[in-house]
Protein backbone atom coordinates (compact mmCIF):
# COMPACT_ATOMS: atom_id res chain seq x y z
CA MET A 1 16.16 -36.23 -40.81
CA HIS A 2 16.12 -33.77 -43.72
CA GLU A 3 18.22 -30.85 -42.50
CA PHE A 4 20.51 -31.02 -45.56
CA VAL A 5 17.84 -30.89 -48.26
CA ASN A 6 18.99 -28.71 -51.18
CA ARG A 7 22.57 -28.79 -49.85
CA VAL A 8 25.62 -30.16 -51.64
CA ALA A 9 28.44 -31.68 -49.58
CA VAL A 10 31.92 -32.49 -50.86
CA VAL A 11 33.40 -35.30 -48.76
CA THR A 12 36.95 -36.54 -49.26
CA GLY A 13 38.17 -39.90 -48.02
CA ALA A 14 34.67 -41.17 -48.76
CA SER A 15 35.66 -44.67 -49.84
CA SER A 16 36.10 -45.88 -46.25
CA GLY A 17 35.97 -45.08 -42.56
CA ILE A 18 34.88 -41.68 -41.30
CA GLY A 19 34.54 -40.19 -44.78
CA ARG A 20 32.20 -42.97 -45.86
CA ALA A 21 30.08 -42.61 -42.73
CA CYS A 22 29.85 -38.85 -43.33
CA ALA A 23 28.83 -39.30 -46.97
CA LEU A 24 26.03 -41.68 -46.03
CA GLY A 25 24.91 -39.41 -43.20
CA PHE A 26 24.63 -36.41 -45.48
CA CYS A 27 22.74 -38.50 -48.03
CA ARG A 28 20.26 -39.65 -45.37
CA GLY A 29 19.82 -36.02 -44.37
CA GLY A 30 18.76 -35.06 -47.87
CA ALA A 31 22.01 -33.67 -49.27
CA CYS A 32 23.63 -34.38 -52.59
CA VAL A 33 27.13 -35.71 -51.99
CA VAL A 34 30.31 -35.52 -54.04
CA ALA A 35 32.12 -38.58 -52.66
CA VAL A 36 35.85 -38.36 -53.32
CA GLY A 37 38.31 -41.22 -52.87
CA ARG A 38 41.04 -43.24 -54.53
CA ASP A 39 39.27 -46.61 -54.49
CA GLY A 40 36.75 -46.65 -57.31
CA THR A 41 35.32 -50.02 -56.29
CA ARG A 42 34.57 -48.86 -52.77
CA LEU A 43 33.06 -45.65 -54.08
CA ARG A 44 30.70 -47.68 -56.27
CA GLU A 45 29.76 -49.71 -53.20
CA LEU A 46 29.09 -46.46 -51.35
CA THR A 47 26.83 -45.31 -54.16
CA GLU A 48 24.93 -48.59 -53.94
CA ALA A 49 24.65 -48.21 -50.15
CA GLY A 50 22.93 -44.87 -50.74
CA ALA A 51 20.76 -46.27 -53.53
CA GLY A 52 17.61 -45.43 -51.58
CA GLU A 53 18.31 -41.89 -52.75
CA PRO A 54 19.19 -42.33 -56.44
CA GLY A 55 21.44 -39.69 -57.90
CA ARG A 56 22.33 -38.23 -54.52
CA ILE A 57 25.91 -39.55 -54.44
CA LEU A 58 28.38 -38.65 -57.17
CA PRO A 59 31.52 -40.83 -56.92
CA VAL A 60 34.76 -39.10 -57.92
CA SER A 61 37.71 -41.48 -58.00
CA LEU A 62 41.11 -39.77 -58.02
CA ASP A 63 44.27 -39.09 -56.07
CA LEU A 64 43.88 -35.65 -54.51
CA THR A 65 47.64 -35.11 -54.38
CA LYS A 66 47.94 -35.18 -58.18
CA HIS A 67 48.12 -31.98 -60.19
CA GLY A 68 44.67 -30.70 -61.12
CA ALA A 69 42.80 -33.13 -58.87
CA VAL A 70 41.45 -30.52 -56.44
CA GLN A 71 40.05 -28.41 -59.25
CA ALA A 72 38.56 -31.54 -60.82
CA VAL A 73 36.56 -32.16 -57.64
CA VAL A 74 35.21 -28.62 -57.61
CA ASP A 75 34.36 -28.81 -61.31
CA ALA A 76 32.53 -32.12 -60.82
CA ALA A 77 30.45 -30.68 -57.99
CA LEU A 78 29.45 -27.62 -59.97
CA THR A 79 28.79 -29.53 -63.19
CA HIS A 80 26.53 -32.10 -61.55
CA PHE A 81 24.93 -30.18 -58.69
CA GLY A 82 25.57 -26.51 -59.40
CA ARG A 83 26.73 -25.49 -55.93
CA ILE A 84 28.83 -26.38 -52.89
CA ASP A 85 27.47 -25.80 -49.38
CA ILE A 86 29.63 -28.09 -47.25
CA LEU A 87 33.23 -29.29 -47.42
CA VAL A 88 34.41 -32.20 -45.28
CA ASN A 89 38.13 -32.92 -45.45
CA ALA A 90 38.28 -36.51 -44.22
CA ALA A 91 41.02 -37.93 -46.47
CA GLY A 92 44.25 -38.66 -44.66
CA ILE A 93 47.14 -41.07 -44.18
CA LEU A 94 49.20 -42.19 -41.22
CA THR A 95 52.86 -43.17 -41.35
CA SER A 96 54.93 -44.27 -38.38
CA GLY A 97 58.29 -42.64 -37.74
CA SER A 98 60.29 -40.64 -35.22
CA VAL A 99 62.50 -37.56 -35.57
CA GLU A 100 65.32 -39.91 -36.54
CA THR A 101 63.48 -42.36 -38.77
CA THR A 102 60.95 -40.23 -40.68
CA SER A 103 62.20 -39.79 -44.23
CA ALA A 104 61.78 -36.56 -46.16
CA GLU A 105 59.58 -38.46 -48.63
CA ALA A 106 57.27 -39.74 -45.87
CA TRP A 107 57.10 -36.27 -44.34
CA ASP A 108 56.12 -34.74 -47.68
CA ARG A 109 53.42 -37.38 -48.30
CA LEU A 110 51.84 -36.70 -44.92
CA MET A 111 51.90 -32.94 -45.29
CA ASP A 112 50.60 -33.16 -48.85
CA LEU A 113 47.42 -35.14 -48.20
CA ASN A 114 46.77 -34.27 -44.55
CA LEU A 115 47.39 -30.52 -44.77
CA ARG A 116 48.04 -29.16 -48.26
CA VAL A 117 45.01 -30.80 -49.88
CA PRO A 118 42.52 -29.52 -47.24
CA PHE A 119 43.95 -26.01 -47.68
CA LEU A 120 43.65 -26.15 -51.46
CA LEU A 121 40.12 -27.56 -51.34
CA LEU A 122 39.03 -24.83 -48.95
CA GLN A 123 40.63 -22.21 -51.18
CA ARG A 124 39.02 -23.55 -54.37
CA CYS A 125 35.60 -24.10 -52.77
CA LEU A 126 35.57 -20.70 -51.06
CA PRO A 127 33.69 -18.75 -53.77
CA GLN A 128 30.84 -21.25 -53.56
CA LEU A 129 30.94 -21.50 -49.77
CA GLN A 130 30.71 -17.71 -49.51
CA SER A 131 27.66 -17.58 -51.74
CA THR A 132 25.86 -20.24 -49.66
CA ALA A 133 27.10 -19.26 -46.16
CA GLY A 134 28.64 -22.71 -46.11
CA ALA A 135 30.47 -24.82 -43.57
CA VAL A 136 33.80 -26.63 -43.54
CA VAL A 137 34.65 -29.52 -41.23
CA ASN A 138 38.19 -30.87 -41.12
CA VAL A 139 38.77 -34.36 -39.76
CA SER A 140 41.84 -33.92 -37.59
CA SER A 141 42.99 -36.15 -34.73
CA VAL A 142 43.71 -36.26 -31.02
CA THR A 143 47.33 -36.13 -32.21
CA GLY A 144 46.68 -32.56 -33.33
CA LEU A 145 45.93 -31.63 -29.72
CA ARG A 146 48.41 -33.86 -27.92
CA SER A 147 51.87 -35.25 -28.74
CA PHE A 148 52.40 -38.99 -29.25
CA PRO A 149 55.73 -40.71 -29.91
CA GLY A 150 56.37 -42.68 -33.07
CA VAL A 151 54.01 -40.79 -35.39
CA LEU A 152 55.88 -37.50 -35.71
CA GLY A 153 54.76 -36.44 -39.18
CA TYR A 154 51.14 -37.39 -38.55
CA CYS A 155 51.07 -35.35 -35.31
CA VAL A 156 52.56 -32.31 -37.02
CA SER A 157 50.22 -32.54 -40.01
CA LYS A 158 47.15 -32.69 -37.76
CA ALA A 159 48.37 -29.85 -35.55
CA GLY A 160 48.77 -27.85 -38.74
CA LEU A 161 45.25 -28.78 -39.80
CA ASP A 162 43.92 -27.53 -36.46
CA GLN A 163 45.70 -24.23 -36.90
CA LEU A 164 44.41 -23.96 -40.47
CA THR A 165 40.93 -24.47 -39.03
CA ARG A 166 41.32 -21.67 -36.50
CA CYS A 167 42.96 -19.21 -38.90
CA ALA A 168 40.42 -19.83 -41.66
CA ALA A 169 37.52 -19.55 -39.20
CA LEU A 170 38.74 -16.12 -38.12
CA GLU A 171 39.34 -14.88 -41.65
CA LEU A 172 36.07 -16.17 -43.09
CA ALA A 173 33.67 -15.40 -40.23
CA SER A 174 32.68 -12.04 -41.72
CA ARG A 175 31.76 -13.82 -44.95
CA GLY A 176 29.42 -16.23 -43.19
CA VAL A 177 31.61 -19.31 -43.69
CA ARG A 178 32.16 -21.47 -40.61
CA VAL A 179 35.24 -23.69 -40.25
CA ASN A 180 35.57 -26.34 -37.54
CA ALA A 181 37.42 -29.57 -36.91
CA VAL A 182 36.81 -32.86 -35.12
CA ASN A 183 39.68 -34.58 -33.32
CA PRO A 184 39.00 -38.30 -33.00
CA GLY A 185 40.91 -40.69 -30.81
CA VAL A 186 41.45 -44.24 -32.06
CA VAL A 187 38.56 -45.16 -34.36
CA ARG A 188 37.93 -48.53 -35.94
CA THR A 189 38.83 -47.76 -39.58
CA SER A 190 41.43 -48.84 -42.13
CA LEU A 191 43.78 -45.94 -41.28
CA HIS A 192 46.28 -47.84 -39.16
CA ARG A 193 46.31 -50.93 -41.34
CA ASN A 194 46.89 -48.76 -44.39
CA GLY A 195 49.75 -47.23 -42.42
CA GLY A 196 51.48 -50.59 -42.13
CA MET A 197 49.95 -52.48 -39.17
CA ASP A 198 49.32 -56.18 -39.74
CA GLU A 199 46.09 -57.72 -38.47
CA THR A 200 47.64 -59.16 -35.30
CA THR A 201 49.25 -55.88 -34.33
CA TYR A 202 46.08 -53.97 -35.14
CA ALA A 203 43.94 -56.29 -32.99
CA ALA A 204 46.34 -55.74 -30.08
CA PHE A 205 46.24 -51.99 -30.73
CA LEU A 206 42.44 -51.94 -30.51
CA GLU A 207 42.54 -54.01 -27.34
CA HIS A 208 44.99 -51.54 -25.81
CA GLY A 209 42.51 -48.81 -26.70
CA LYS A 210 40.29 -50.07 -23.89
CA GLU A 211 42.97 -48.90 -21.47
CA SER A 212 44.23 -45.77 -23.25
CA HIS A 213 40.75 -44.23 -23.66
CA PRO A 214 39.05 -43.42 -20.34
CA LEU A 215 35.63 -44.49 -21.60
CA GLY A 216 37.07 -47.97 -22.06
CA ARG A 217 36.78 -48.52 -25.80
CA VAL A 218 37.79 -47.20 -29.19
CA GLY A 219 35.40 -45.21 -31.35
CA GLU A 220 33.33 -46.05 -34.40
CA ALA A 221 33.27 -44.07 -37.63
CA GLU A 222 29.56 -43.33 -37.28
CA GLU A 223 30.17 -41.60 -33.95
CA ILE A 224 32.60 -39.19 -35.57
CA ALA A 225 30.25 -38.65 -38.49
CA GLU A 226 27.48 -37.57 -36.13
CA ALA A 227 29.66 -34.74 -34.85
CA VAL A 228 30.68 -33.77 -38.38
CA LEU A 229 27.04 -33.59 -39.43
CA PHE A 230 26.26 -31.41 -36.42
CA LEU A 231 29.09 -29.00 -37.19
CA ALA A 232 28.00 -28.80 -40.82
CA SER A 233 24.36 -28.12 -39.93
CA PRO A 234 22.47 -24.96 -38.90
CA ARG A 235 22.28 -26.42 -35.38
CA SER A 236 25.89 -25.31 -34.87
CA GLY A 237 25.36 -21.91 -36.46
CA TRP A 238 27.26 -20.06 -33.71
CA ILE A 239 30.26 -22.37 -33.64
CA THR A 240 33.39 -21.66 -35.64
CA GLY A 241 37.10 -22.25 -35.07
CA ALA A 242 36.40 -25.19 -32.76
CA THR A 243 38.60 -28.29 -32.59
CA LEU A 244 36.27 -30.81 -30.99
CA PRO A 245 37.78 -33.87 -29.25
CA ILE A 246 35.74 -37.02 -29.90
CA ASP A 247 38.09 -39.44 -28.26
CA GLY A 248 36.59 -41.20 -25.26
CA GLY A 249 38.57 -38.83 -23.05
CA ARG A 250 41.96 -39.66 -24.58
CA ALA A 251 43.11 -36.03 -24.86
CA GLN A 252 42.56 -35.56 -21.12
CA THR A 253 45.07 -38.23 -20.12
CA CYS A 254 48.77 -37.93 -19.39
CA ALA A 255 51.65 -40.39 -19.11
CA ARG A 256 51.80 -42.19 -15.78
């Protein structure tokens, strides 16, 4: 219950979905949390949800793709809490598109938030993570492990994030910093609706998830957060460079 006491976790994408569930989980575990997101209203709601632990959640509302934003997050963490022990890169976007239909602009947006921002945050947080023998958890996707049609840029960005995870884990192991990733299947969040699905299409998509995931259902954000918390904790102290599928068996399936 209190394995994160005296720890500071930076969590991006904290205004909704998996990021929000992670932020609350760290708070319940005793950590101080720098909750980063674009939606200031939802971040205030998150702070209220963690009100049982006053002062534990610091909301930071900004667009991480803007110049100076990554450094602003690091500065906020150090100003308010004095250290960084854990980095969770949960912010991300999904855009539909094939080889033929994906625009250069859409491609750049996906790579910017899904891959470039996690790299920059890891780079800027590294001095602190080294001093605390910290942990990084990247929220990737089953699409990083397997190919899916119609979401080309998203697949490539998540595959890149997985490779960043493995390369960074190897480079930073001697410094005591662990880097892992989780690879969720379809999870009930706002990701797909933010990517352009209307409510009717999204409902049908979730229903189809009962067939496309061998365990017969889609996932919940809290289930992914549990794995993130484990990978960020001392309980996983001998795990680094892992890309952990949490997908109801989705990555094990093939077209038939």
